[in-house]
PDB file of N, CA and C in Angstrom:
ATOM      1  N   UNK A   1      10.306 -28.836  50.897  1.00  0.00           N
ATOM      2  CA  UNK A   1      11.127 -28.954  51.176  1.00  0.00           C
ATOM      3  C   UNK A   1      13.112 -28.553  50.994  1.00  0.00           C
ATOM      4  N   UNK A   2      13.249 -27.493  51.330  1.00  0.00           N
ATOM      5  CA  UNK A   2      14.303 -26.912  50.657  1.00  0.00           C
ATOM      6  C   UNK A   2      15.484 -27.779  52.095  1.00  0.00           C
ATOM      7  N   UNK A   3      15.990 -28.346  51.341  1.00  0.00           N
ATOM      8  CA  UNK A   3      17.109 -28.935  52.557  1.00  0.00           C
ATOM      9  C   UNK A   3      18.750 -27.797  52.199  1.00  0.00           C
ATOM     10  N   UNK A   4      18.910 -27.499  53.038  1.00  0.00           N
ATOM     11  CA  UNK A   4      20.527 -26.303  52.787  1.00  0.00           C
ATOM     12  C   UNK A   4      21.319 -27.642  53.617  1.00  0.00           C
ATOM     13  N   UNK A   5      22.521 -27.600  53.486  1.00  0.00           N
ATOM     14  CA  UNK A   5      24.194 -28.090  53.492  1.00  0.00           C
ATOM     15  C   UNK A   5      24.737 -26.726  54.212  1.00  0.00           C
ATOM     16  N   UNK A   6      25.134 -27.713  54.962  1.00  0.00           N
ATOM     17  CA  UNK A   6      26.468 -26.230  55.590  1.00  0.00           C
ATOM     18  C   UNK A   6      27.236 -26.425  54.634  1.00  0.00           C
ATOM     19  N   UNK A   7      28.215 -24.785  54.157  1.00  0.00           N
ATOM     20  CA  UNK A   7      29.044 -24.810  53.417  1.00  0.00           C
ATOM     21  C   UNK A   7      29.981 -26.201  53.074  1.00  0.00           C
ATOM     22  N   UNK A   8      30.771 -26.069  53.861  1.00  0.00           N
ATOM     23  CA  UNK A   8      31.400 -26.910  54.043  1.00  0.00           C
ATOM     24  C   UNK A   8      31.580 -28.543  53.072  1.00  0.00           C
ATOM     25  N   UNK A   9      30.360 -28.995  53.832  1.00  0.00           N
ATOM     26  CA  UNK A   9      29.939 -30.031  53.168  1.00  0.00           C
ATOM     27  C   UNK A   9      29.728 -29.902  51.920  1.00  0.00           C
ATOM     28  N   UNK A  10      28.974 -29.141  51.279  1.00  0.00           N
ATOM     29  CA  UNK A  10      28.794 -28.667  50.194  1.00  0.00           C
ATOM     30  C   UNK A  10      29.843 -28.548  49.358  1.00  0.00           C
ATOM     31  N   UNK A  11      31.326 -27.970  49.704  1.00  0.00           N
ATOM     32  CA  UNK A  11      32.190 -28.676  48.780  1.00  0.00           C
ATOM     33  C   UNK A  11      33.096 -29.980  49.241  1.00  0.00           C
ATOM     34  N   UNK A  12      32.728 -30.473  50.490  1.00  0.00           N
ATOM     35  CA  UNK A  12      32.717 -31.749  50.170  1.00  0.00           C
ATOM     36  C   UNK A  12      31.961 -32.786  49.276  1.00  0.00           C
ATOM     37  N   UNK A  13      30.996 -32.407  48.868  1.00  0.00           N
ATOM     38  CA  UNK A  13      29.987 -33.069  47.877  1.00  0.00           C
ATOM     39  C   UNK A  13      30.200 -32.487  46.589  1.00  0.00           C
ATOM     40  N   UNK A  14      30.502 -30.866  45.988  1.00  0.00           N
ATOM     41  CA  UNK A  14      31.279 -30.834  44.544  1.00  0.00           C
ATOM     42  C   UNK A  14      32.849 -31.470  44.119  1.00  0.00           C
ATOM     43  N   UNK A  15      33.255 -31.421  45.861  1.00  0.00           N
ATOM     44  CA  UNK A  15      35.014 -32.164  45.214  1.00  0.00           C
ATOM     45  C   UNK A  15      34.450 -34.045  45.007  1.00  0.00           C
ATOM     46  N   UNK A  16      33.928 -34.511  46.121  1.00  0.00           N
ATOM     47  CA  UNK A  16      32.976 -36.280  45.025  1.00  0.00           C
ATOM     48  C   UNK A  16      32.378 -35.933  43.412  1.00  0.00           C
ATOM     49  N   UNK A  17      31.724 -34.841  43.674  1.00  0.00           N
ATOM     50  CA  UNK A  17      30.783 -35.278  41.895  1.00  0.00           C
ATOM     51  C   UNK A  17      31.800 -35.192  40.961  1.00  0.00           C
ATOM     52  N   UNK A  18      32.997 -33.513  41.312  1.00  0.00           N
ATOM     53  CA  UNK A  18      33.969 -33.272  40.244  1.00  0.00           C
ATOM     54  C   UNK A  18      34.541 -34.658  40.103  1.00  0.00           C
ATOM     55  N   UNK A  19      35.423 -35.493  41.885  1.00  0.00           N
ATOM     56  CA  UNK A  19      36.539 -36.686  41.095  1.00  0.00           C
ATOM     57  C   UNK A  19      35.742 -37.906  39.678  1.00  0.00           C
ATOM     58  N   UNK A  20      33.798 -37.781  40.101  1.00  0.00           N
ATOM     59  CA  UNK A  20      33.174 -38.744  39.716  1.00  0.00           C
ATOM     60  C   UNK A  20      33.085 -39.013  38.428  1.00  0.00           C
ATOM     61  N   UNK A  21      33.236 -37.370  37.684  1.00  0.00           N
ATOM     62  CA  UNK A  21      32.732 -36.438  36.365  1.00  0.00           C
ATOM     63  C   UNK A  21      34.073 -37.354  35.401  1.00  0.00           C
ATOM     64  N   UNK A  22      35.666 -37.119  36.588  1.00  0.00           N
ATOM     65  CA  UNK A  22      36.931 -37.653  36.132  1.00  0.00           C
ATOM     66  C   UNK A  22      37.022 -38.836  35.488  1.00  0.00           C
ATOM     67  N   UNK A  23      36.439 -39.434  36.332  1.00  0.00           N
ATOM     68  CA  UNK A  23      36.293 -41.431  36.755  1.00  0.00           C
ATOM     69  C   UNK A  23      35.608 -41.995  35.149  1.00  0.00           C
ATOM     70  N   UNK A  24      34.128 -41.476  35.068  1.00  0.00           N
ATOM     71  CA  UNK A  24      33.414 -41.040  33.500  1.00  0.00           C
ATOM     72  C   UNK A  24      34.326 -40.763  32.591  1.00  0.00           C
ATOM     73  N   UNK A  25      34.830 -39.916  33.096  1.00  0.00           N
ATOM     74  CA  UNK A  25      35.488 -39.230  31.492  1.00  0.00           C
ATOM     75  C   UNK A  25      36.235 -40.152  31.039  1.00  0.00           C
ATOM     76  N   UNK A  26      37.499 -40.754  31.715  1.00  0.00           N
ATOM     77  CA  UNK A  26      38.249 -41.571  31.725  1.00  0.00           C
ATOM     78  C   UNK A  26      37.740 -42.921  31.072  1.00  0.00           C
ATOM     79  N   UNK A  27      36.359 -43.386  31.593  1.00  0.00           N
ATOM     80  CA  UNK A  27      36.421 -44.700  31.511  1.00  0.00           C
ATOM     81  C   UNK A  27      35.244 -44.384  29.936  1.00  0.00           C
ATOM     82  N   UNK A  28      34.788 -42.950  29.654  1.00  0.00           N
ATOM     83  CA  UNK A  28      34.642 -42.767  28.084  1.00  0.00           C
ATOM     84  C   UNK A  28      35.439 -42.775  27.197  1.00  0.00           C
ATOM     85  N   UNK A  29      36.575 -42.098  27.349  1.00  0.00           N
ATOM     86  CA  UNK A  29      37.968 -42.256  26.757  1.00  0.00           C
ATOM     87  C   UNK A  29      38.393 -43.875  26.159  1.00  0.00           C
ATOM     88  N   UNK A  30      38.189 -44.499  27.341  1.00  0.00           N
ATOM     89  CA  UNK A  30      39.081 -45.295  27.596  1.00  0.00           C
ATOM     90  C   UNK A  30      37.689 -46.673  26.174  1.00  0.00           C
ATOM     91  N   UNK A  31      36.581 -46.337  26.199  1.00  0.00           N
ATOM     92  CA  UNK A  31      35.915 -47.007  25.102  1.00  0.00           C
ATOM     93  C   UNK A  31      35.624 -46.206  24.087  1.00  0.00           C
ATOM     94  N   UNK A  32      36.021 -45.634  23.846  1.00  0.00           N
ATOM     95  CA  UNK A  32      35.982 -43.757  22.778  1.00  0.00           C
ATOM     96  C   UNK A  32      34.581 -43.940  22.288  1.00  0.00           C
ATOM     97  N   UNK A  33      34.180 -43.429  23.286  1.00  0.00           N
ATOM     98  CA  UNK A  33      32.801 -42.820  24.074  1.00  0.00           C
ATOM     99  C   UNK A  33      33.084 -41.180  23.736  1.00  0.00           C
ATOM    100  N   UNK A  34      32.276 -40.567  22.689  1.00  0.00           N
ATOM    101  CA  UNK A  34      32.592 -39.273  22.565  1.00  0.00           C
ATOM    102  C   UNK A  34      30.905 -38.454  23.126  1.00  0.00           C
ATOM    103  N   UNK A  35      31.591 -37.307  23.297  1.00  0.00           N
ATOM    104  CA  UNK A  35      30.441 -36.118  24.190  1.00  0.00           C
ATOM    105  C   UNK A  35      30.292 -34.894  23.503  1.00  0.00           C
ATOM    106  N   UNK A  36      29.136 -35.631  22.647  1.00  0.00           N
ATOM    107  CA  UNK A  36      28.926 -33.986  21.929  1.00  0.00           C
ATOM    108  C   UNK A  36      29.986 -33.263  20.407  1.00  0.00           C
ATOM    109  N   UNK A  37      30.464 -35.023  20.000  1.00  0.00           N
ATOM    110  CA  UNK A  37      31.315 -34.793  19.205  1.00  0.00           C
ATOM    111  C   UNK A  37      33.143 -34.667  19.688  1.00  0.00           C
ATOM    112  N   UNK A  38      32.452 -34.884  20.847  1.00  0.00           N
ATOM    113  CA  UNK A  38      34.703 -34.726  21.335  1.00  0.00           C
ATOM    114  C   UNK A  38      34.750 -35.737  22.313  1.00  0.00           C
ATOM    115  N   UNK A  39      35.686 -36.284  21.692  1.00  0.00           N
ATOM    116  CA  UNK A  39      36.721 -38.261  21.763  1.00  0.00           C
ATOM    117  C   UNK A  39      36.996 -38.087  23.027  1.00  0.00           C
ATOM    118  N   UNK A  40      37.427 -36.719  23.279  1.00  0.00           N
ATOM    119  CA  UNK A  40      38.709 -36.867  24.356  1.00  0.00           C
ATOM    120  C   UNK A  40      38.651 -35.850  25.587  1.00  0.00           C
ATOM    121  N   UNK A  41      38.265 -35.989  26.395  1.00  0.00           N
ATOM    122  CA  UNK A  41      37.472 -35.197  27.656  1.00  0.00           C
ATOM    123  C   UNK A  41      38.743 -34.488  28.416  1.00  0.00           C
ATOM    124  N   UNK A  42      39.949 -35.405  28.049  1.00  0.00           N
ATOM    125  CA  UNK A  42      40.756 -34.279  28.501  1.00  0.00           C
ATOM    126  C   UNK A  42      42.002 -33.113  28.838  1.00  0.00           C
ATOM    127  N   UNK A  43      41.240 -32.005  27.907  1.00  0.00           N
ATOM    128  CA  UNK A  43      41.409 -30.658  27.901  1.00  0.00           C
ATOM    129  C   UNK A  43      40.345 -29.848  28.891  1.00  0.00           C
ATOM    130  N   UNK A  44      39.178 -30.283  28.630  1.00  0.00           N
ATOM    131  CA  UNK A  44      37.394 -30.004  29.749  1.00  0.00           C
ATOM    132  C   UNK A  44      38.315 -30.212  30.996  1.00  0.00           C
ATOM    133  N   UNK A  45      38.643 -31.504  30.770  1.00  0.00           N
ATOM    134  CA  UNK A  45      38.593 -31.921  32.299  1.00  0.00           C
ATOM    135  C   UNK A  45      39.973 -31.055  32.674  1.00  0.00           C
ATOM    136  N   UNK A  46      41.011 -31.051  32.316  1.00  0.00           N
ATOM    137  CA  UNK A  46      41.862 -29.956  33.107  1.00  0.00           C
ATOM    138  C   UNK A  46      41.716 -28.825  33.687  1.00  0.00           C
ATOM    139  N   UNK A  47      40.571 -27.948  32.649  1.00  0.00           N
ATOM    140  CA  UNK A  47      40.163 -26.859  32.797  1.00  0.00           C
ATOM    141  C   UNK A  47      39.130 -27.178  33.833  1.00  0.00           C
ATOM    142  N   UNK A  48      38.660 -27.769  33.906  1.00  0.00           N
ATOM    143  CA  UNK A  48      37.403 -28.181  34.942  1.00  0.00           C
ATOM    144  C   UNK A  48      38.116 -28.295  36.411  1.00  0.00           C
ATOM    145  N   UNK A  49      38.821 -28.919  36.559  1.00  0.00           N
ATOM    146  CA  UNK A  49      39.780 -28.980  37.896  1.00  0.00           C
ATOM    147  C   UNK A  49      40.149 -27.680  38.317  1.00  0.00           C
ATOM    148  N   UNK A  50      40.720 -26.571  37.565  1.00  0.00           N
ATOM    149  CA  UNK A  50      41.600 -25.531  37.802  1.00  0.00           C
ATOM    150  C   UNK A  50      40.324 -24.653  38.720  1.00  0.00           C
ATOM    151  N   UNK A  51      38.639 -24.572  37.283  1.00  0.00           N
ATOM    152  CA  UNK A  51      38.072 -23.987  37.970  1.00  0.00           C
ATOM    153  C   UNK A  51      37.370 -24.116  39.027  1.00  0.00           C
ATOM    154  N   UNK A  52      37.209 -25.855  39.456  1.00  0.00           N
ATOM    155  CA  UNK A  52      36.676 -26.169  40.806  1.00  0.00           C
ATOM    156  C   UNK A  52      37.467 -25.770  41.629  1.00  0.00           C
ATOM    157  N   UNK A  53      38.783 -26.727  41.759  1.00  0.00           N
ATOM    158  CA  UNK A  53      39.820 -26.217  42.691  1.00  0.00           C
ATOM    159  C   UNK A  53      40.154 -24.748  43.311  1.00  0.00           C
ATOM    160  N   UNK A  54      40.076 -23.919  42.208  1.00  0.00           N
ATOM    161  CA  UNK A  54      40.258 -23.036  42.183  1.00  0.00           C
ATOM    162  C   UNK A  54      39.339 -22.141  43.459  1.00  0.00           C
ATOM    163  N   UNK A  55      37.892 -22.433  43.133  1.00  0.00           N
ATOM    164  CA  UNK A  55      36.961 -22.012  43.509  1.00  0.00           C
ATOM    165  C   UNK A  55      36.629 -22.484  44.722  1.00  0.00           C
ATOM    166  N   UNK A  56      37.295 -23.643  44.894  1.00  0.00           N
ATOM    167  CA  UNK A  56      36.989 -24.219  46.462  1.00  0.00           C
ATOM    168  C   UNK A  56      38.002 -23.569  47.736  1.00  0.00           C
ATOM    169  N   UNK A  57      39.268 -23.641  47.116  1.00  0.00           N
ATOM    170  CA  UNK A  57      40.210 -23.051  47.663  1.00  0.00           C
ATOM    171  C   UNK A  57      40.100 -21.422  48.005  1.00  0.00           C
ATOM    172  N   UNK A  58      39.543 -20.816  46.872  1.00  0.00           N
ATOM    173  CA  UNK A  58      39.792 -18.984  47.407  1.00  0.00           C
ATOM    174  C   UNK A  58      38.174 -19.086  48.230  1.00  0.00           C
ATOM    175  N   UNK A  59      37.422 -19.823  47.894  1.00  0.00           N
ATOM    176  CA  UNK A  59      35.908 -19.781  49.259  1.00  0.00           C
ATOM    177  C   UNK A  59      36.479 -20.395  50.973  1.00  0.00           C
ATOM    178  N   UNK A  60      37.825 -20.724  50.799  1.00  0.00           N
ATOM    179  CA  UNK A  60      38.342 -21.631  52.197  1.00  0.00           C
ATOM    180  C   UNK A  60      38.081 -22.691  52.586  1.00  0.00           C
ATOM    181  N   UNK A  61      37.779 -23.593  51.440  1.00  0.00           N
ATOM    182  CA  UNK A  61      37.967 -24.962  51.729  1.00  0.00           C
ATOM    183  C   UNK A  61      38.723 -25.666  51.368  1.00  0.00           C
ATOM    184  N   UNK A  62      39.936 -25.270  51.044  1.00  0.00           N
ATOM    185  CA  UNK A  62      41.187 -25.577  50.479  1.00  0.00           C
ATOM    186  C   UNK A  62      41.146 -26.987  51.628  1.00  0.00           C
ATOM    187  N   UNK A  63      41.237 -27.075  52.283  1.00  0.00           N
ATOM    188  CA  UNK A  63      41.175 -28.470  53.712  1.00  0.00           C
ATOM    189  C   UNK A  63      40.214 -29.470  53.292  1.00  0.00           C
ATOM    190  N   UNK A  64      38.896 -28.555  52.671  1.00  0.00           N
ATOM    191  CA  UNK A  64      38.179 -30.281  52.359  1.00  0.00           C
ATOM    192  C   UNK A  64      38.135 -30.118  50.763  1.00  0.00           C
ATOM    193  N   UNK A  65      38.905 -29.817  50.397  1.00  0.00           N
ATOM    194  CA  UNK A  65      39.319 -30.464  48.609  1.00  0.00           C
ATOM    195  C   UNK A  65      40.490 -31.088  48.495  1.00  0.00           C
ATOM    196  N   UNK A  66      41.659 -30.929  49.611  1.00  0.00           N
ATOM    197  CA  UNK A  66      42.877 -31.804  50.064  1.00  0.00           C
ATOM    198  C   UNK A  66      41.859 -33.216  50.221  1.00  0.00           C
ATOM    199  N   UNK A  67      41.399 -33.369  51.146  1.00  0.00           N
ATOM    200  CA  UNK A  67      40.818 -34.610  52.579  1.00  0.00           C
ATOM    201  C   UNK A  67      40.017 -35.141  51.120  1.00  0.00           C
ATOM    202  N   UNK A  68      39.155 -34.813  51.031  1.00  0.00           N
ATOM    203  CA  UNK A  68      38.396 -35.532  50.002  1.00  0.00           C
ATOM    204  C   UNK A  68      39.252 -36.120  48.362  1.00  0.00           C
ATOM    205  N   UNK A  69      39.625 -35.203  47.902  1.00  0.00           N
ATOM    206  CA  UNK A  69      40.671 -35.430  46.709  1.00  0.00           C
ATOM    207  C   UNK A  69      41.218 -36.856  47.251  1.00  0.00           C
ATOM    208  N   UNK A  70      41.906 -36.797  48.481  1.00  0.00           N
ATOM    209  CA  UNK A  70      43.282 -38.048  49.032  1.00  0.00           C
ATOM    210  C   UNK A  70      42.027 -39.024  49.118  1.00  0.00           C
ATOM    211  N   UNK A  71      41.239 -39.266  49.589  1.00  0.00           N
ATOM    212  CA  UNK A  71      40.351 -40.411  50.440  1.00  0.00           C
ATOM    213  C   UNK A  71      39.503 -40.646  49.152  1.00  0.00           C
ATOM    214  N   UNK A  72      38.615 -40.187  47.751  1.00  0.00           N
ATOM    215  CA  UNK A  72      38.394 -40.576  46.877  1.00  0.00           C
ATOM    216  C   UNK A  72      39.175 -41.758  45.946  1.00  0.00           C
ATOM    217  N   UNK A  73      40.434 -40.192  45.975  1.00  0.00           N
ATOM    218  CA  UNK A  73      41.448 -40.810  44.927  1.00  0.00           C
ATOM    219  C   UNK A  73      41.986 -42.596  45.472  1.00  0.00           C
ATOM    220  N   UNK A  74      42.106 -42.797  46.626  1.00  0.00           N
ATOM    221  CA  UNK A  74      42.700 -43.785  47.477  1.00  0.00           C
ATOM    222  C   UNK A  74      41.548 -44.727  47.739  1.00  0.00           C
ATOM    223  N   UNK A  75      40.406 -44.939  47.478  1.00  0.00           N
ATOM    224  CA  UNK A  75      39.198 -45.740  47.587  1.00  0.00           C
ATOM    225  C   UNK A  75      39.398 -46.981  45.829  1.00  0.00           C
TER     226      UNK A  75
END
């Protein structure tokens, strides 16, 4: 059975997943863990931030990005 979410909920979930990836990349960096030979993912996470936040905003879900980001970062 295929379950589909409303686009606004998808934007929220994508934002949550993005910030979880950021947290994991920070943890990897603090523990000197490399991913595919890259030990500091800050550059790539910054690029991904621009892509993901830009895409979500362009699709009309900037409010969801901002609210979810604020909530996730305050936890």
